[in-house]
Structures are given as structure tokens and as C-alpha cells.
């Protein structure tokens, strides 16, 4: 895994090629995140590509202040792009169409693929902000503090989004 902070410093110093190391070191996890948020791998790839363009421009312009790690900063950009995509499209995401690209490891069992499909179906009923909190905290494993940092809100707001998401999912489970 490349040293992302060192690669970012090289980009800031004018080494355009160093951004490739950032992409290489983060693209798989960011596409997985974006696909879970927007509902499909192709849409997730579009979100991540747009986020990389924004991140590159910000690095070159010196707008990355390193208060958070580069990885956290990229997660924040991708998450906000995904939320914007959901809002602007005014649609609910479709079920993930290529689960093999979202699986945590190659050779995922059929049971794991079914679980990912079910997760996608459950997440699509949540509003974008709640979906982002659930995916970051409960699926990606970020702490409430890290999730708040990525979402740009307080830990209390994250906890509130998680409570509301759980209530929505309980209601859905009762109706199923």
C-alpha cells in the first residue's frame, strides 16, 4: 500500500504522476463505498471518478490542509458526491448489478453475495444521509467519530441518523 500522505505531498509539489499512487491505493475501497451508497457499481465508479478530479484539483491548489488523513478526506469527498448524486437524480438506487465487484474478497460464497444483495435492498429505502451513516459506521466499520469527520457533522448527528435508520429498517422488517 502506498504512503498516501507522501504521495499527496508529491502532488502538491508538482509531481502529477504521484496522484496515480493515490488512485491505486484507494480506488477499490472508494468504489465499493460509492456503489453501496448510490446502488450500483457503474454509478459508484462515476462518483469516484468525479471525486478524484475534485481531490486532484484541491491538492494542486493547496486546499488539502491535512487536518484529517488523506484517506478520510477522500472518503468525505466520495460520500458527499454520492449524496449529491442521489439528491440530484431524485431517485432511489437500483439493486447492485455486479455483486462480484463489491464483495470483500475474491471467491465470495453465494451466501455472502446474497447477503450483499439483501443489504443493498435494505439500504435503498433509507434517505441519503442515513444510508451514508449506516454504510460508513456499520458496513465499513468506521467509529462514530470517524463517521462524523467524513460526513462533516457531529457525532450526535451521526448517532441520530443511525437511530432513525434503524427505526426505518425495523418498520420495513415488520412490513416484510
C-alpha atoms as a PDB file:
ATOM      1  CA  UNK A   1       0.000   0.000   0.000  1.00  0.00           C
ATOM      2  CA  UNK A   2       1.479   3.338  -0.985  1.00  0.00           C
ATOM      3  CA  UNK A   3       2.062   6.077   1.584  1.00  0.00           C
ATOM      4  CA  UNK A   4      -0.889   8.289   0.690  1.00  0.00           C
ATOM      5  CA  UNK A   5       0.273  11.351   2.616  1.00  0.00           C
ATOM      6  CA  UNK A   6       3.686  11.218   0.897  1.00  0.00           C
ATOM      7  CA  UNK A   7       2.000  10.869  -2.500  1.00  0.00           C
ATOM      8  CA  UNK A   8      -0.222  13.861  -1.700  1.00  0.00           C
ATOM      9  CA  UNK A   9       2.824  15.927  -0.734  1.00  0.00           C
ATOM     10  CA  UNK A  10       4.438  14.999  -4.042  1.00  0.00           C
ATOM     11  CA  UNK A  11       1.304  16.097  -5.939  1.00  0.00           C
ATOM     12  CA  UNK A  12       1.313  19.415  -4.073  1.00  0.00           C
ATOM     13  CA  UNK A  13       4.995  19.806  -5.015  1.00  0.00           C
ATOM     14  CA  UNK A  14       4.131  19.377  -8.700  1.00  0.00           C
ATOM     15  CA  UNK A  15       4.582  15.618  -9.291  1.00  0.00           C
ATOM     16  CA  UNK A  16       1.425  14.932 -11.311  1.00  0.00           C
ATOM     17  CA  UNK A  17       2.223  11.220 -11.595  1.00  0.00           C
ATOM     18  CA  UNK A  18       2.077  10.799  -7.803  1.00  0.00           C
ATOM     19  CA  UNK A  19      -1.715  11.071  -7.941  1.00  0.00           C
ATOM     20  CA  UNK A  20      -1.710   7.657  -9.630  1.00  0.00           C
ATOM     21  CA  UNK A  21      -0.410   6.137  -6.387  1.00  0.00           C
ATOM     22  CA  UNK A  22      -3.327   7.705  -4.520  1.00  0.00           C
ATOM     23  CA  UNK A  23      -5.809   6.287  -7.018  1.00  0.00           C
ATOM     24  CA  UNK A  24      -4.138   2.880  -6.945  1.00  0.00           C
ATOM     25  CA  UNK A  25      -4.151   2.779  -3.158  1.00  0.00           C
ATOM     26  CA  UNK A  26      -7.776   3.824  -2.669  1.00  0.00           C
ATOM     27  CA  UNK A  27      -9.890   3.113  -5.760  1.00  0.00           C
ATOM     28  CA  UNK A  28     -11.168  -0.338  -4.800  1.00  0.00           C
ATOM     29  CA  UNK A  29     -12.411   0.690  -1.360  1.00  0.00           C
ATOM     30  CA  UNK A  30     -13.842   4.001  -2.604  1.00  0.00           C
ATOM     31  CA  UNK A  31     -15.747   2.382  -5.477  1.00  0.00           C
ATOM     32  CA  UNK A  32     -17.163  -0.166  -3.040  1.00  0.00           C
ATOM     33  CA  UNK A  33     -18.266   2.636  -0.725  1.00  0.00           C
ATOM     34  CA  UNK A  34     -19.789   4.703  -3.523  1.00  0.00           C
ATOM     35  CA  UNK A  35     -21.559   1.682  -5.044  1.00  0.00           C
ATOM     36  CA  UNK A  36     -23.120   0.868  -1.692  1.00  0.00           C
ATOM     37  CA  UNK A  37     -24.282   4.461  -1.352  1.00  0.00           C
ATOM     38  CA  UNK A  38     -25.654   5.022  -4.862  1.00  0.00           C
ATOM     39  CA  UNK A  39     -26.761   1.455  -5.531  1.00  0.00           C
ATOM     40  CA  UNK A  40     -24.704   0.277  -8.493  1.00  0.00           C
ATOM     41  CA  UNK A  41     -21.085  -0.277  -9.380  1.00  0.00           C
ATOM     42  CA  UNK A  42     -21.166   1.811 -12.597  1.00  0.00           C
ATOM     43  CA  UNK A  43     -22.715   4.778 -10.765  1.00  0.00           C
ATOM     44  CA  UNK A  44     -20.231   4.279  -7.932  1.00  0.00           C
ATOM     45  CA  UNK A  45     -17.347   4.376 -10.406  1.00  0.00           C
ATOM     46  CA  UNK A  46     -18.699   7.655 -11.826  1.00  0.00           C
ATOM     47  CA  UNK A  47     -18.937   9.148  -8.323  1.00  0.00           C
ATOM     48  CA  UNK A  48     -15.359   8.125  -7.511  1.00  0.00           C
ATOM     49  CA  UNK A  49     -14.010   9.447 -10.804  1.00  0.00           C
ATOM     50  CA  UNK A  50     -15.656  12.806 -10.132  1.00  0.00           C
ATOM     51  CA  UNK A  51     -14.310  12.768  -6.571  1.00  0.00           C
ATOM     52  CA  UNK A  52     -10.768  12.085  -7.808  1.00  0.00           C
ATOM     53  CA  UNK A  53     -10.973  15.064 -10.171  1.00  0.00           C
ATOM     54  CA  UNK A  54     -12.052  17.275  -7.271  1.00  0.00           C
ATOM     55  CA  UNK A  55      -9.368  15.863  -4.975  1.00  0.00           C
ATOM     56  CA  UNK A  56      -6.637  16.360  -7.555  1.00  0.00           C
ATOM     57  CA  UNK A  57      -7.679  19.959  -8.168  1.00  0.00           C
ATOM     58  CA  UNK A  58      -7.787  20.633  -4.434  1.00  0.00           C
ATOM     59  CA  UNK A  59      -4.320  19.129  -3.909  1.00  0.00           C
ATOM     60  CA  UNK A  60      -2.795  21.127  -6.756  1.00  0.00           C
ATOM     61  CA  UNK A  61      -4.442  24.302  -5.453  1.00  0.00           C
ATOM     62  CA  UNK A  62      -3.173  23.606  -1.937  1.00  0.00           C
ATOM     63  CA  UNK A  63      -6.650  23.195  -0.441  1.00  0.00           C
ATOM     64  CA  UNK A  64      -5.886  19.942   1.430  1.00  0.00           C
ATOM     65  CA  UNK A  65      -4.893  21.111   4.907  1.00  0.00           C
ATOM     66  CA  UNK A  66      -4.118  17.638   6.317  1.00  0.00           C
ATOM     67  CA  UNK A  67      -6.331  18.094   9.392  1.00  0.00           C
ATOM     68  CA  UNK A  68      -7.661  14.630   8.563  1.00  0.00           C
ATOM     69  CA  UNK A  69      -5.795  11.801   6.897  1.00  0.00           C
ATOM     70  CA  UNK A  70      -5.842  11.775   3.111  1.00  0.00           C
ATOM     71  CA  UNK A  71      -7.919   8.564   3.182  1.00  0.00           C
ATOM     72  CA  UNK A  72     -10.543  10.189   5.448  1.00  0.00           C
ATOM     73  CA  UNK A  73     -10.569  13.275   3.230  1.00  0.00           C
ATOM     74  CA  UNK A  74     -11.165  11.098   0.144  1.00  0.00           C
ATOM     75  CA  UNK A  75     -13.955   9.199   1.927  1.00  0.00           C
ATOM     76  CA  UNK A  76     -15.540  12.563   2.751  1.00  0.00           C
ATOM     77  CA  UNK A  77     -15.386  13.722  -0.881  1.00  0.00           C
ATOM     78  CA  UNK A  78     -16.793  10.430  -2.215  1.00  0.00           C
ATOM     79  CA  UNK A  79     -19.559  10.311   0.390  1.00  0.00           C
ATOM     80  CA  UNK A  80     -20.673  13.867  -0.325  1.00  0.00           C
ATOM     81  CA  UNK A  81     -20.554  13.270  -4.089  1.00  0.00           C
ATOM     82  CA  UNK A  82     -22.675  10.144  -3.645  1.00  0.00           C
ATOM     83  CA  UNK A  83     -25.217  12.015  -1.524  1.00  0.00           C
ATOM     84  CA  UNK A  84     -25.320  14.820  -4.115  1.00  0.00           C
ATOM     85  CA  UNK A  85     -25.803  12.239  -6.874  1.00  0.00           C
ATOM     86  CA  UNK A  86     -28.750  10.691  -5.044  1.00  0.00           C
ATOM     87  CA  UNK A  87     -30.337  14.066  -4.382  1.00  0.00           C
ATOM     88  CA  UNK A  88     -29.848  15.458  -7.875  1.00  0.00           C
ATOM     89  CA  UNK A  89     -31.108  12.318  -9.557  1.00  0.00           C
ATOM     90  CA  UNK A  90     -34.166  12.358  -7.275  1.00  0.00           C
ATOM     91  CA  UNK A  91     -34.291   8.611  -7.487  1.00  0.00           C
ATOM     92  CA  UNK A  92     -33.700   5.603  -5.363  1.00  0.00           C
ATOM     93  CA  UNK A  93     -30.706   3.453  -6.267  1.00  0.00           C
ATOM     94  CA  UNK A  94     -31.165   0.231  -8.162  1.00  0.00           C
ATOM     95  CA  UNK A  95     -30.055  -3.084  -6.782  1.00  0.00           C
ATOM     96  CA  UNK A  96     -26.335  -3.623  -7.253  1.00  0.00           C
ATOM     97  CA  UNK A  97     -25.953  -5.285 -10.610  1.00  0.00           C
ATOM     98  CA  UNK A  98     -22.457  -6.759 -10.250  1.00  0.00           C
ATOM     99  CA  UNK A  99     -22.016  -8.036  -6.733  1.00  0.00           C
ATOM    100  CA  UNK A 100     -18.683  -9.681  -7.523  1.00  0.00           C
ATOM    101  CA  UNK A 101     -17.040  -6.252  -7.731  1.00  0.00           C
ATOM    102  CA  UNK A 102     -18.401  -5.268  -4.329  1.00  0.00           C
ATOM    103  CA  UNK A 103     -17.545  -8.441  -2.479  1.00  0.00           C
ATOM    104  CA  UNK A 104     -14.950  -8.088   0.244  1.00  0.00           C
ATOM    105  CA  UNK A 105     -12.694 -10.741  -1.278  1.00  0.00           C
ATOM    106  CA  UNK A 106     -12.402 -12.706  -4.476  1.00  0.00           C
ATOM    107  CA  UNK A 107     -14.221 -16.023  -4.402  1.00  0.00           C
ATOM    108  CA  UNK A 108     -17.019 -14.825  -2.148  1.00  0.00           C
ATOM    109  CA  UNK A 109     -19.513 -17.526  -1.332  1.00  0.00           C
ATOM    110  CA  UNK A 110     -23.040 -17.480  -2.760  1.00  0.00           C
ATOM    111  CA  UNK A 111     -24.317 -16.831   0.784  1.00  0.00           C
ATOM    112  CA  UNK A 112     -22.117 -13.733   1.072  1.00  0.00           C
ATOM    113  CA  UNK A 113     -23.274 -12.499  -2.332  1.00  0.00           C
ATOM    114  CA  UNK A 114     -26.890 -12.992  -1.278  1.00  0.00           C
ATOM    115  CA  UNK A 115     -26.189 -11.052   1.921  1.00  0.00           C
ATOM    116  CA  UNK A 116     -24.755  -8.167  -0.135  1.00  0.00           C
ATOM    117  CA  UNK A 117     -27.820  -8.176  -2.364  1.00  0.00           C
ATOM    118  CA  UNK A 118     -30.103  -8.088   0.676  1.00  0.00           C
ATOM    119  CA  UNK A 119     -28.029  -5.286   2.215  1.00  0.00           C
ATOM    120  CA  UNK A 120     -28.388  -3.249  -0.951  1.00  0.00           C
ATOM    121  CA  UNK A 121     -32.144  -3.767  -0.982  1.00  0.00           C
ATOM    122  CA  UNK A 122     -32.448  -2.688   2.653  1.00  0.00           C
ATOM    123  CA  UNK A 123     -30.245   0.373   2.201  1.00  0.00           C
ATOM    124  CA  UNK A 124     -32.194   1.693  -0.760  1.00  0.00           C
ATOM    125  CA  UNK A 125     -35.147   2.619   1.481  1.00  0.00           C
ATOM    126  CA  UNK A 126     -33.037   4.992   3.576  1.00  0.00           C
ATOM    127  CA  UNK A 127     -32.551   8.704   2.872  1.00  0.00           C
ATOM    128  CA  UNK A 128     -29.063   9.525   1.584  1.00  0.00           C
ATOM    129  CA  UNK A 129     -27.671  10.898   4.875  1.00  0.00           C
ATOM    130  CA  UNK A 130     -28.906   7.908   6.881  1.00  0.00           C
ATOM    131  CA  UNK A 131     -27.611   5.484   4.252  1.00  0.00           C
ATOM    132  CA  UNK A 132     -24.192   7.154   4.379  1.00  0.00           C
ATOM    133  CA  UNK A 133     -24.069   6.902   8.178  1.00  0.00           C
ATOM    134  CA  UNK A 134     -25.064   3.219   8.143  1.00  0.00           C
ATOM    135  CA  UNK A 135     -22.606   2.291   5.398  1.00  0.00           C
ATOM    136  CA  UNK A 136     -19.686   4.174   6.933  1.00  0.00           C
ATOM    137  CA  UNK A 137     -20.332   3.094  10.521  1.00  0.00           C
ATOM    138  CA  UNK A 138     -21.910  -0.347  10.301  1.00  0.00           C
ATOM    139  CA  UNK A 139     -20.609  -1.685   6.983  1.00  0.00           C
ATOM    140  CA  UNK A 140     -17.223  -0.007   6.554  1.00  0.00           C
ATOM    141  CA  UNK A 141     -16.507  -0.157  10.300  1.00  0.00           C
ATOM    142  CA  UNK A 142     -15.661   3.484  10.979  1.00  0.00           C
ATOM    143  CA  UNK A 143     -16.177   4.742  14.534  1.00  0.00           C
ATOM    144  CA  UNK A 144     -18.855   7.352  15.234  1.00  0.00           C
ATOM    145  CA  UNK A 145     -16.072   9.952  15.492  1.00  0.00           C
ATOM    146  CA  UNK A 146     -14.554   8.944  12.124  1.00  0.00           C
ATOM    147  CA  UNK A 147     -18.015   8.787  10.510  1.00  0.00           C
ATOM    148  CA  UNK A 148     -18.777  12.287  11.787  1.00  0.00           C
ATOM    149  CA  UNK A 149     -15.469  13.527  10.390  1.00  0.00           C
ATOM    150  CA  UNK A 150     -16.200  12.017   6.974  1.00  0.00           C
ATOM    151  CA  UNK A 151     -19.765  13.345   6.898  1.00  0.00           C
ATOM    152  CA  UNK A 152     -18.769  16.758   8.248  1.00  0.00           C
ATOM    153  CA  UNK A 153     -21.204  16.659  11.154  1.00  0.00           C
ATOM    154  CA  UNK A 154     -21.174  15.999  14.891  1.00  0.00           C
ATOM    155  CA  UNK A 155     -21.049  12.562  16.484  1.00  0.00           C
ATOM    156  CA  UNK A 156     -24.516  13.286  17.852  1.00  0.00           C
ATOM    157  CA  UNK A 157     -25.807  13.829  14.332  1.00  0.00           C
ATOM    158  CA  UNK A 158     -24.290  10.507  13.266  1.00  0.00           C
ATOM    159  CA  UNK A 159     -25.935   8.734  16.198  1.00  0.00           C
ATOM    160  CA  UNK A 160     -29.268  10.395  15.354  1.00  0.00           C
ATOM    161  CA  UNK A 161     -29.004   9.277  11.710  1.00  0.00           C
ATOM    162  CA  UNK A 162     -28.238   5.739  12.845  1.00  0.00           C
ATOM    163  CA  UNK A 163     -31.214   5.726  15.252  1.00  0.00           C
ATOM    164  CA  UNK A 164     -33.537   6.963  12.503  1.00  0.00           C
ATOM    165  CA  UNK A 165     -32.136   4.441  10.011  1.00  0.00           C
ATOM    166  CA  UNK A 166     -32.653   1.584  12.473  1.00  0.00           C
ATOM    167  CA  UNK A 167     -36.230   2.740  13.088  1.00  0.00           C
ATOM    168  CA  UNK A 168     -36.895   2.838   9.342  1.00  0.00           C
ATOM    169  CA  UNK A 169     -35.384  -0.613   8.874  1.00  0.00           C
ATOM    170  CA  UNK A 170     -37.375  -2.046  11.808  1.00  0.00           C
ATOM    171  CA  UNK A 171     -40.551  -0.665  10.246  1.00  0.00           C
ATOM    172  CA  UNK A 172     -39.613  -2.219   6.922  1.00  0.00           C
ATOM    173  CA  UNK A 173     -38.831  -5.556   8.571  1.00  0.00           C
ATOM    174  CA  UNK A 174     -42.244  -5.519  10.252  1.00  0.00           C
ATOM    175  CA  UNK A 175     -43.917  -4.862   6.885  1.00  0.00           C
ATOM    176  CA  UNK A 176     -41.970  -7.615   5.096  1.00  0.00           C
END
